[in-house]
Amino acid sequence: MNLTRRRSLRSAAAVLVLAAAAGCSSGDGRPAAAVPEPAGAATALCQALDDRLPQHVAGLERDDPRPESELTAGWGSPAIILRCGVPRPEAMDDPDAEGVEADGIGWLLEQEHDGSFRFTTTLRRAYVEVALPAEHAPRGLAPLSDLAPAIGEAIPEGIAD
C-alpha cells in the first residue's frame, strides 16, 4: 500500500470516529437516539406509550431526538432520553443487579462510567429504557415518577417477548 492510500484510510477512519462522537446531537441541536426495532406486539405498545408521554419530565420540556420516531422521546438539554422496545438488558440476568421502584413501575438501574444512569423497566410487556445524563442525576427518581403513569397505562405488566 502506498503512503497516499494509508493517509486516505487514516483520514477516513478519523472522520468516522468524529462522526460517531458527534452522533450525540443532530445538526439542529437536538440529540440523537438510536431507534429500537422491537418485535411483535411491543411496537404497538410503544406507539401507545408515545401518545401518553408527558410534555414535561422533571420540569424539562419535551424535545424529541432525531431521527423522529414514536419509539423515542426526549426532555431537556442534555436530554433525558426514553427508548421503547429496547432488547432485554444482559444485566437483568445478574442476581446482584440493582433495581428501584418509582410510582409502581420497577426499573433495573445501571450506572455508567460517566456518572449517568440507564433505567430499564422490569416485568412489563415491552422494555422501556430511560437514559439520565449525569447533570440530571440530582433530580433522583423524579423523571421516572413523571413517566410512571404513561408507562403504567400503555405497557401492561408481564414478560416482554
N, C-alpha and C. Protein backbone atom coordinates (compact mmCIF):
# COMPACT_ATOMS: atom_id res chain seq x y z
N MET A 1 0.86 -1.17 0.00
CA MET A 1 0.00 0.00 0.00
C MET A 1 0.90 1.23 0.00
N ASN A 2 0.54 2.21 -0.81
CA ASN A 2 1.40 3.38 -0.86
C ASN A 2 1.04 4.37 0.25
N LEU A 3 1.92 5.35 0.48
CA LEU A 3 1.75 6.31 1.56
C LEU A 3 0.48 7.14 1.40
N THR A 4 0.14 7.52 0.17
CA THR A 4 -1.07 8.32 -0.06
C THR A 4 -2.32 7.54 0.35
N ARG A 5 -2.38 6.27 0.00
CA ARG A 5 -3.54 5.44 0.35
C ARG A 5 -3.65 5.28 1.86
N ARG A 6 -2.51 5.12 2.57
CA ARG A 6 -2.55 4.99 4.03
C ARG A 6 -3.10 6.26 4.67
N ARG A 7 -2.66 7.43 4.18
CA ARG A 7 -3.18 8.70 4.73
C ARG A 7 -4.68 8.81 4.47
N SER A 8 -5.14 8.38 3.29
CA SER A 8 -6.56 8.43 2.98
C SER A 8 -7.35 7.54 3.93
N LEU A 9 -6.83 6.34 4.20
CA LEU A 9 -7.51 5.45 5.11
C LEU A 9 -7.53 6.01 6.53
N ARG A 10 -6.39 6.60 6.96
CA ARG A 10 -6.36 7.21 8.29
C ARG A 10 -7.33 8.38 8.36
N SER A 11 -7.39 9.18 7.33
CA SER A 11 -8.32 10.31 7.30
C SER A 11 -9.76 9.82 7.36
N ALA A 12 -10.04 8.77 6.60
CA ALA A 12 -11.40 8.22 6.62
C ALA A 12 -11.73 7.68 8.00
N ALA A 13 -10.77 7.01 8.63
CA ALA A 13 -11.01 6.49 9.98
C ALA A 13 -11.24 7.62 10.97
N ALA A 14 -10.47 8.70 10.85
CA ALA A 14 -10.64 9.84 11.74
C ALA A 14 -12.02 10.47 11.55
N VAL A 15 -12.48 10.56 10.32
CA VAL A 15 -13.80 11.13 10.05
C VAL A 15 -14.88 10.25 10.68
N LEU A 16 -14.73 8.93 10.58
CA LEU A 16 -15.72 8.03 11.18
C LEU A 16 -15.75 8.17 12.70
N VAL A 17 -14.57 8.29 13.32
CA VAL A 17 -14.52 8.47 14.77
C VAL A 17 -15.20 9.77 15.17
N LEU A 18 -14.91 10.85 14.45
CA LEU A 18 -15.54 12.14 14.75
C LEU A 18 -17.04 12.08 14.52
N ALA A 19 -17.47 11.41 13.48
CA ALA A 19 -18.90 11.30 13.20
C ALA A 19 -19.60 10.51 14.30
N ALA A 20 -18.96 9.47 14.78
CA ALA A 20 -19.55 8.68 15.87
C ALA A 20 -19.65 9.51 17.14
N ALA A 21 -18.60 10.29 17.43
CA ALA A 21 -18.64 11.14 18.61
C ALA A 21 -19.70 12.22 18.48
N ALA A 22 -19.88 12.73 17.29
CA ALA A 22 -20.88 13.77 17.07
C ALA A 22 -22.29 13.21 17.03
N GLY A 23 -22.43 11.90 17.06
CA GLY A 23 -23.74 11.27 16.99
C GLY A 23 -24.63 11.58 18.18
N CYS A 24 -24.08 12.24 19.17
CA CYS A 24 -24.89 12.59 20.33
C CYS A 24 -25.86 13.71 20.05
N SER A 25 -25.66 14.45 18.97
CA SER A 25 -26.61 15.51 18.64
C SER A 25 -26.70 15.62 17.13
N SER A 26 -27.82 16.18 16.70
CA SER A 26 -28.03 16.35 15.27
C SER A 26 -27.68 17.78 14.88
N GLY A 27 -27.70 18.08 13.60
CA GLY A 27 -27.33 19.39 13.11
C GLY A 27 -28.21 20.50 13.63
N ASP A 28 -29.44 20.20 14.06
CA ASP A 28 -30.34 21.24 14.54
C ASP A 28 -30.26 21.41 16.06
N GLY A 29 -29.26 20.81 16.70
CA GLY A 29 -29.09 20.94 18.13
C GLY A 29 -29.85 19.92 18.95
N ARG A 30 -30.73 19.16 18.31
CA ARG A 30 -31.48 18.14 19.02
C ARG A 30 -30.61 16.90 19.18
N PRO A 31 -30.77 16.19 20.29
CA PRO A 31 -29.97 14.99 20.49
C PRO A 31 -30.36 13.90 19.50
N ALA A 32 -29.46 12.95 19.35
CA ALA A 32 -29.74 11.78 18.52
C ALA A 32 -29.94 10.58 19.43
N ALA A 33 -30.80 9.69 19.00
CA ALA A 33 -31.04 8.46 19.76
C ALA A 33 -31.27 7.32 18.78
N ALA A 34 -30.65 6.19 19.05
CA ALA A 34 -30.87 5.02 18.21
C ALA A 34 -32.30 4.55 18.39
N VAL A 35 -32.98 4.32 17.29
CA VAL A 35 -34.37 3.87 17.33
C VAL A 35 -34.39 2.35 17.49
N PRO A 36 -35.05 1.85 18.54
CA PRO A 36 -35.15 0.40 18.72
C PRO A 36 -35.95 -0.24 17.59
N GLU A 37 -35.79 -1.53 17.45
CA GLU A 37 -36.54 -2.30 16.47
C GLU A 37 -37.22 -3.46 17.18
N PRO A 38 -38.29 -3.16 17.94
CA PRO A 38 -38.93 -4.23 18.70
C PRO A 38 -39.67 -5.21 17.81
N ALA A 39 -39.83 -6.41 18.32
CA ALA A 39 -40.57 -7.45 17.60
C ALA A 39 -41.97 -7.57 18.17
N GLY A 40 -42.85 -8.10 17.36
CA GLY A 40 -44.18 -8.45 17.84
C GLY A 40 -45.01 -7.28 18.31
N ALA A 41 -45.73 -7.53 19.39
CA ALA A 41 -46.69 -6.56 19.91
C ALA A 41 -46.02 -5.37 20.57
N ALA A 42 -44.74 -5.44 20.85
CA ALA A 42 -44.06 -4.33 21.53
C ALA A 42 -44.15 -3.03 20.75
N THR A 43 -44.13 -3.10 19.43
CA THR A 43 -44.22 -1.87 18.62
C THR A 43 -45.52 -1.14 18.89
N ALA A 44 -46.62 -1.86 18.91
CA ALA A 44 -47.93 -1.23 19.17
C ALA A 44 -47.99 -0.67 20.58
N LEU A 45 -47.43 -1.38 21.54
CA LEU A 45 -47.41 -0.89 22.91
C LEU A 45 -46.60 0.40 23.01
N CYS A 46 -45.47 0.44 22.33
CA CYS A 46 -44.61 1.63 22.36
C CYS A 46 -45.28 2.81 21.67
N GLN A 47 -46.00 2.56 20.61
CA GLN A 47 -46.74 3.64 19.94
C GLN A 47 -47.82 4.19 20.87
N ALA A 48 -48.47 3.31 21.62
CA ALA A 48 -49.48 3.75 22.59
C ALA A 48 -48.81 4.57 23.70
N LEU A 49 -47.61 4.18 24.10
CA LEU A 49 -46.89 4.94 25.12
C LEU A 49 -46.57 6.34 24.62
N ASP A 50 -46.13 6.46 23.38
CA ASP A 50 -45.78 7.76 22.83
C ASP A 50 -46.95 8.74 22.93
N ASP A 51 -48.16 8.25 22.71
CA ASP A 51 -49.35 9.10 22.79
C ASP A 51 -49.63 9.59 24.21
N ARG A 52 -49.10 8.89 25.20
CA ARG A 52 -49.40 9.21 26.60
C ARG A 52 -48.26 9.95 27.32
N LEU A 53 -47.11 10.05 26.71
CA LEU A 53 -45.96 10.66 27.38
C LEU A 53 -46.22 12.12 27.72
N PRO A 54 -45.71 12.56 28.87
CA PRO A 54 -45.94 13.93 29.30
C PRO A 54 -45.13 14.95 28.50
N GLN A 55 -45.61 16.18 28.49
CA GLN A 55 -44.90 17.28 27.83
C GLN A 55 -43.68 17.71 28.65
N HIS A 56 -43.74 17.48 29.97
CA HIS A 56 -42.64 17.86 30.85
C HIS A 56 -42.25 16.67 31.73
N VAL A 57 -40.95 16.49 31.90
CA VAL A 57 -40.40 15.47 32.79
C VAL A 57 -39.37 16.17 33.67
N ALA A 58 -39.56 16.07 34.99
CA ALA A 58 -38.66 16.72 35.95
C ALA A 58 -38.51 18.21 35.64
N GLY A 59 -39.60 18.81 35.18
CA GLY A 59 -39.58 20.24 34.87
C GLY A 59 -38.96 20.59 33.53
N LEU A 60 -38.56 19.60 32.76
CA LEU A 60 -37.91 19.82 31.46
C LEU A 60 -38.92 19.61 30.34
N GLU A 61 -38.87 20.48 29.34
CA GLU A 61 -39.82 20.40 28.23
C GLU A 61 -39.43 19.31 27.23
N ARG A 62 -40.45 18.69 26.66
CA ARG A 62 -40.21 17.63 25.68
C ARG A 62 -39.59 18.19 24.42
N ASP A 63 -38.54 17.54 23.97
CA ASP A 63 -37.82 17.90 22.75
C ASP A 63 -37.27 16.59 22.20
N ASP A 64 -38.04 15.93 21.35
CA ASP A 64 -37.70 14.59 20.89
C ASP A 64 -36.42 14.55 20.08
N PRO A 65 -35.67 13.45 20.22
CA PRO A 65 -34.41 13.30 19.49
C PRO A 65 -34.64 12.98 18.02
N ARG A 66 -33.57 13.06 17.27
CA ARG A 66 -33.54 12.67 15.86
C ARG A 66 -32.99 11.26 15.79
N PRO A 67 -33.35 10.44 14.85
CA PRO A 67 -34.44 10.67 13.91
C PRO A 67 -35.78 10.58 14.64
N GLU A 68 -36.77 11.26 14.10
CA GLU A 68 -38.09 11.25 14.72
C GLU A 68 -38.67 9.84 14.68
N SER A 69 -39.24 9.43 15.81
CA SER A 69 -39.81 8.09 15.91
C SER A 69 -40.79 8.06 17.07
N GLU A 70 -41.81 7.25 16.94
CA GLU A 70 -42.74 7.03 18.04
C GLU A 70 -42.12 6.16 19.14
N LEU A 71 -40.93 5.65 18.89
CA LEU A 71 -40.26 4.77 19.84
C LEU A 71 -39.24 5.49 20.70
N THR A 72 -39.05 6.80 20.47
CA THR A 72 -38.10 7.57 21.25
C THR A 72 -38.73 8.90 21.67
N ALA A 73 -38.23 9.44 22.78
CA ALA A 73 -38.68 10.75 23.25
C ALA A 73 -37.55 11.35 24.06
N GLY A 74 -37.58 12.66 24.21
CA GLY A 74 -36.54 13.33 24.99
C GLY A 74 -37.07 14.57 25.67
N TRP A 75 -36.37 14.95 26.75
CA TRP A 75 -36.73 16.13 27.52
C TRP A 75 -35.45 16.83 27.96
N GLY A 76 -35.39 18.16 27.75
CA GLY A 76 -34.29 18.96 28.26
C GLY A 76 -33.01 18.87 27.47
N SER A 77 -31.99 19.55 28.01
CA SER A 77 -30.66 19.55 27.42
C SER A 77 -29.65 19.68 28.56
N PRO A 78 -28.74 18.74 28.73
CA PRO A 78 -28.66 17.49 27.98
C PRO A 78 -29.92 16.66 28.19
N ALA A 79 -30.28 15.93 27.19
CA ALA A 79 -31.58 15.28 27.14
C ALA A 79 -31.68 14.02 27.98
N ILE A 80 -32.80 13.93 28.67
CA ILE A 80 -33.26 12.66 29.22
C ILE A 80 -33.91 11.95 28.04
N ILE A 81 -33.43 10.78 27.69
CA ILE A 81 -33.91 10.07 26.51
C ILE A 81 -34.65 8.80 26.91
N LEU A 82 -35.84 8.65 26.37
CA LEU A 82 -36.63 7.43 26.53
C LEU A 82 -36.62 6.69 25.20
N ARG A 83 -36.38 5.36 25.28
CA ARG A 83 -36.46 4.50 24.10
C ARG A 83 -37.34 3.32 24.49
N CYS A 84 -38.35 3.06 23.69
CA CYS A 84 -39.28 1.97 23.98
C CYS A 84 -39.07 0.84 22.98
N GLY A 85 -39.11 -0.38 23.51
CA GLY A 85 -38.92 -1.55 22.65
C GLY A 85 -37.48 -1.98 22.55
N VAL A 86 -36.66 -1.59 23.53
CA VAL A 86 -35.25 -1.99 23.52
C VAL A 86 -35.14 -3.48 23.86
N PRO A 87 -34.04 -4.10 23.50
CA PRO A 87 -33.83 -5.50 23.89
C PRO A 87 -33.67 -5.63 25.40
N ARG A 88 -33.91 -6.81 25.88
CA ARG A 88 -33.73 -7.10 27.32
C ARG A 88 -32.25 -6.92 27.67
N PRO A 89 -31.95 -6.07 28.66
CA PRO A 89 -30.54 -5.87 29.04
C PRO A 89 -29.94 -7.13 29.66
N GLU A 90 -28.69 -7.40 29.34
CA GLU A 90 -28.00 -8.55 29.92
C GLU A 90 -27.92 -8.45 31.43
N ALA A 91 -27.85 -7.22 31.95
CA ALA A 91 -27.74 -7.02 33.40
C ALA A 91 -28.93 -7.61 34.15
N MET A 92 -30.05 -7.85 33.48
CA MET A 92 -31.20 -8.44 34.15
C MET A 92 -30.93 -9.89 34.55
N ASP A 93 -29.89 -10.50 33.99
CA ASP A 93 -29.52 -11.86 34.36
C ASP A 93 -28.63 -11.89 35.60
N ASP A 94 -28.15 -10.73 36.03
CA ASP A 94 -27.25 -10.63 37.17
C ASP A 94 -28.05 -10.61 38.47
N PRO A 95 -27.88 -11.62 39.33
CA PRO A 95 -28.65 -11.64 40.58
C PRO A 95 -28.31 -10.47 41.51
N ASP A 96 -27.17 -9.82 41.27
CA ASP A 96 -26.77 -8.68 42.09
C ASP A 96 -27.14 -7.34 41.46
N ALA A 97 -27.86 -7.37 40.35
CA ALA A 97 -28.26 -6.13 39.69
C ALA A 97 -29.13 -5.30 40.62
N GLU A 98 -28.99 -3.99 40.50
CA GLU A 98 -29.76 -3.09 41.34
C GLU A 98 -31.08 -2.74 40.68
N GLY A 99 -32.10 -2.61 41.48
CA GLY A 99 -33.40 -2.22 40.98
C GLY A 99 -34.00 -1.13 41.86
N VAL A 100 -34.90 -0.37 41.28
CA VAL A 100 -35.63 0.65 42.02
C VAL A 100 -37.09 0.59 41.59
N GLU A 101 -37.94 1.18 42.39
CA GLU A 101 -39.35 1.26 42.07
C GLU A 101 -39.74 2.72 42.16
N ALA A 102 -40.45 3.20 41.15
CA ALA A 102 -40.93 4.58 41.13
C ALA A 102 -42.39 4.58 40.74
N ASP A 103 -43.23 4.92 41.68
CA ASP A 103 -44.67 5.03 41.45
C ASP A 103 -45.27 3.80 40.78
N GLY A 104 -44.91 2.63 41.30
CA GLY A 104 -45.49 1.39 40.82
C GLY A 104 -44.81 0.75 39.63
N ILE A 105 -43.77 1.36 39.10
CA ILE A 105 -43.04 0.80 37.96
C ILE A 105 -41.66 0.35 38.45
N GLY A 106 -41.30 -0.89 38.17
CA GLY A 106 -39.99 -1.42 38.54
C GLY A 106 -38.97 -1.12 37.46
N TRP A 107 -37.76 -0.82 37.89
CA TRP A 107 -36.68 -0.44 36.97
C TRP A 107 -35.38 -1.14 37.34
N LEU A 108 -34.67 -1.62 36.35
CA LEU A 108 -33.28 -2.04 36.50
C LEU A 108 -32.46 -0.75 36.46
N LEU A 109 -31.55 -0.58 37.40
CA LEU A 109 -30.71 0.61 37.47
C LEU A 109 -29.29 0.24 37.07
N GLU A 110 -28.73 0.96 36.11
CA GLU A 110 -27.35 0.76 35.70
C GLU A 110 -26.65 2.12 35.69
N GLN A 111 -25.58 2.25 36.50
CA GLN A 111 -24.81 3.49 36.48
C GLN A 111 -23.67 3.34 35.49
N GLU A 112 -23.53 4.35 34.63
CA GLU A 112 -22.48 4.35 33.62
C GLU A 112 -21.20 4.98 34.20
N HIS A 113 -20.08 4.79 33.52
CA HIS A 113 -18.79 5.30 33.99
C HIS A 113 -18.75 6.83 34.04
N ASP A 114 -19.56 7.49 33.24
CA ASP A 114 -19.54 8.96 33.20
C ASP A 114 -20.47 9.61 34.23
N GLY A 115 -21.06 8.79 35.11
CA GLY A 115 -21.95 9.32 36.13
C GLY A 115 -23.41 9.37 35.71
N SER A 116 -23.68 8.99 34.47
CA SER A 116 -25.07 8.94 34.00
C SER A 116 -25.70 7.62 34.45
N PHE A 117 -27.01 7.54 34.28
CA PHE A 117 -27.74 6.34 34.67
C PHE A 117 -28.60 5.86 33.50
N ARG A 118 -28.79 4.56 33.45
CA ARG A 118 -29.74 3.97 32.50
C ARG A 118 -30.70 3.12 33.32
N PHE A 119 -31.97 3.37 33.12
CA PHE A 119 -33.03 2.62 33.79
C PHE A 119 -33.82 1.87 32.73
N THR A 120 -34.15 0.62 33.00
CA THR A 120 -34.96 -0.18 32.07
C THR A 120 -36.08 -0.83 32.86
N THR A 121 -37.31 -0.70 32.35
CA THR A 121 -38.45 -1.27 33.06
C THR A 121 -38.30 -2.77 33.20
N THR A 122 -38.87 -3.27 34.28
CA THR A 122 -38.90 -4.72 34.53
C THR A 122 -40.36 -5.15 34.61
N LEU A 123 -40.58 -6.40 34.28
CA LEU A 123 -41.91 -7.02 34.37
C LEU A 123 -42.98 -6.22 33.64
N ARG A 124 -42.65 -5.81 32.42
CA ARG A 124 -43.57 -5.13 31.50
C ARG A 124 -43.51 -5.83 30.16
N ARG A 125 -44.56 -5.75 29.36
CA ARG A 125 -44.66 -6.44 28.08
C ARG A 125 -43.73 -5.86 27.02
N ALA A 126 -43.14 -4.71 27.27
CA ALA A 126 -42.10 -4.12 26.41
C ALA A 126 -41.10 -3.44 27.33
N TYR A 127 -39.83 -3.50 26.95
CA TYR A 127 -38.80 -2.85 27.75
C TYR A 127 -38.70 -1.38 27.36
N VAL A 128 -38.77 -0.52 28.37
CA VAL A 128 -38.63 0.92 28.18
C VAL A 128 -37.35 1.34 28.89
N GLU A 129 -36.48 2.02 28.16
CA GLU A 129 -35.20 2.46 28.69
C GLU A 129 -35.23 3.98 28.83
N VAL A 130 -34.72 4.48 29.95
CA VAL A 130 -34.58 5.91 30.17
C VAL A 130 -33.12 6.19 30.51
N ALA A 131 -32.48 7.01 29.68
CA ALA A 131 -31.10 7.42 29.92
C ALA A 131 -31.12 8.79 30.60
N LEU A 132 -30.51 8.84 31.77
CA LEU A 132 -30.49 10.05 32.58
C LEU A 132 -29.06 10.56 32.64
N PRO A 133 -28.76 11.68 31.95
CA PRO A 133 -27.40 12.23 31.98
C PRO A 133 -26.97 12.59 33.40
N ALA A 134 -25.68 12.58 33.65
CA ALA A 134 -25.13 12.87 34.97
C ALA A 134 -25.63 14.22 35.50
N GLU A 135 -25.82 15.18 34.62
CA GLU A 135 -26.27 16.50 35.04
C GLU A 135 -27.65 16.46 35.68
N HIS A 136 -28.45 15.46 35.33
CA HIS A 136 -29.80 15.34 35.87
C HIS A 136 -29.89 14.35 37.04
N ALA A 137 -28.78 13.71 37.39
CA ALA A 137 -28.79 12.73 38.47
C ALA A 137 -29.30 13.32 39.80
N PRO A 138 -29.01 14.59 40.11
CA PRO A 138 -29.54 15.15 41.37
C PRO A 138 -31.08 15.18 41.42
N ARG A 139 -31.74 15.03 40.30
CA ARG A 139 -33.20 15.01 40.29
C ARG A 139 -33.74 13.69 40.84
N GLY A 140 -32.87 12.74 41.12
CA GLY A 140 -33.28 11.47 41.69
C GLY A 140 -34.23 10.72 40.80
N LEU A 141 -35.29 10.20 41.38
CA LEU A 141 -36.26 9.40 40.63
C LEU A 141 -37.38 10.24 40.03
N ALA A 142 -37.30 11.56 40.14
CA ALA A 142 -38.36 12.43 39.62
C ALA A 142 -38.69 12.14 38.15
N PRO A 143 -37.69 11.97 37.27
CA PRO A 143 -38.04 11.66 35.88
C PRO A 143 -38.83 10.36 35.75
N LEU A 144 -38.46 9.35 36.51
CA LEU A 144 -39.16 8.06 36.44
C LEU A 144 -40.58 8.20 36.99
N SER A 145 -40.74 8.98 38.05
CA SER A 145 -42.08 9.21 38.60
C SER A 145 -42.97 9.93 37.61
N ASP A 146 -42.39 10.89 36.88
CA ASP A 146 -43.18 11.61 35.88
C ASP A 146 -43.60 10.72 34.72
N LEU A 147 -42.79 9.70 34.41
CA LEU A 147 -43.08 8.80 33.31
C LEU A 147 -43.96 7.62 33.72
N ALA A 148 -44.03 7.34 35.01
CA ALA A 148 -44.73 6.15 35.51
C ALA A 148 -46.19 6.07 35.08
N PRO A 149 -46.99 7.14 35.17
CA PRO A 149 -48.39 6.99 34.77
C PRO A 149 -48.56 6.56 33.31
N ALA A 150 -47.78 7.16 32.42
CA ALA A 150 -47.89 6.81 30.99
C ALA A 150 -47.46 5.36 30.76
N ILE A 151 -46.38 4.94 31.39
CA ILE A 151 -45.90 3.57 31.22
C ILE A 151 -46.91 2.59 31.80
N GLY A 152 -47.45 2.91 32.99
CA GLY A 152 -48.44 2.04 33.61
C GLY A 152 -49.68 1.86 32.76
N GLU A 153 -50.10 2.91 32.05
CA GLU A 153 -51.29 2.84 31.20
C GLU A 153 -51.02 2.11 29.89
N ALA A 154 -49.85 2.34 29.29
CA ALA A 154 -49.59 1.84 27.94
C ALA A 154 -48.91 0.49 27.86
N ILE A 155 -48.08 0.19 28.85
CA ILE A 155 -47.28 -1.05 28.79
C ILE A 155 -47.75 -1.96 29.93
N PRO A 156 -48.54 -2.97 29.62
CA PRO A 156 -49.09 -3.85 30.67
C PRO A 156 -47.98 -4.64 31.38
N GLU A 157 -48.31 -5.04 32.59
CA GLU A 157 -47.41 -5.92 33.34
C GLU A 157 -47.30 -7.25 32.61
N GLY A 158 -46.16 -7.88 32.77
CA GLY A 158 -45.93 -9.17 32.14
C GLY A 158 -44.47 -9.31 31.77
N ILE A 159 -44.19 -10.28 30.95
CA ILE A 159 -42.83 -10.53 30.48
C ILE A 159 -42.77 -10.18 29.00
N ALA A 160 -41.81 -9.34 28.64
CA ALA A 160 -41.64 -8.94 27.24
C ALA A 160 -41.19 -10.14 26.41
N ASP A 161 -41.62 -10.16 25.16
CA ASP A 161 -41.22 -11.25 24.25
C ASP A 161 -39.75 -11.19 23.92
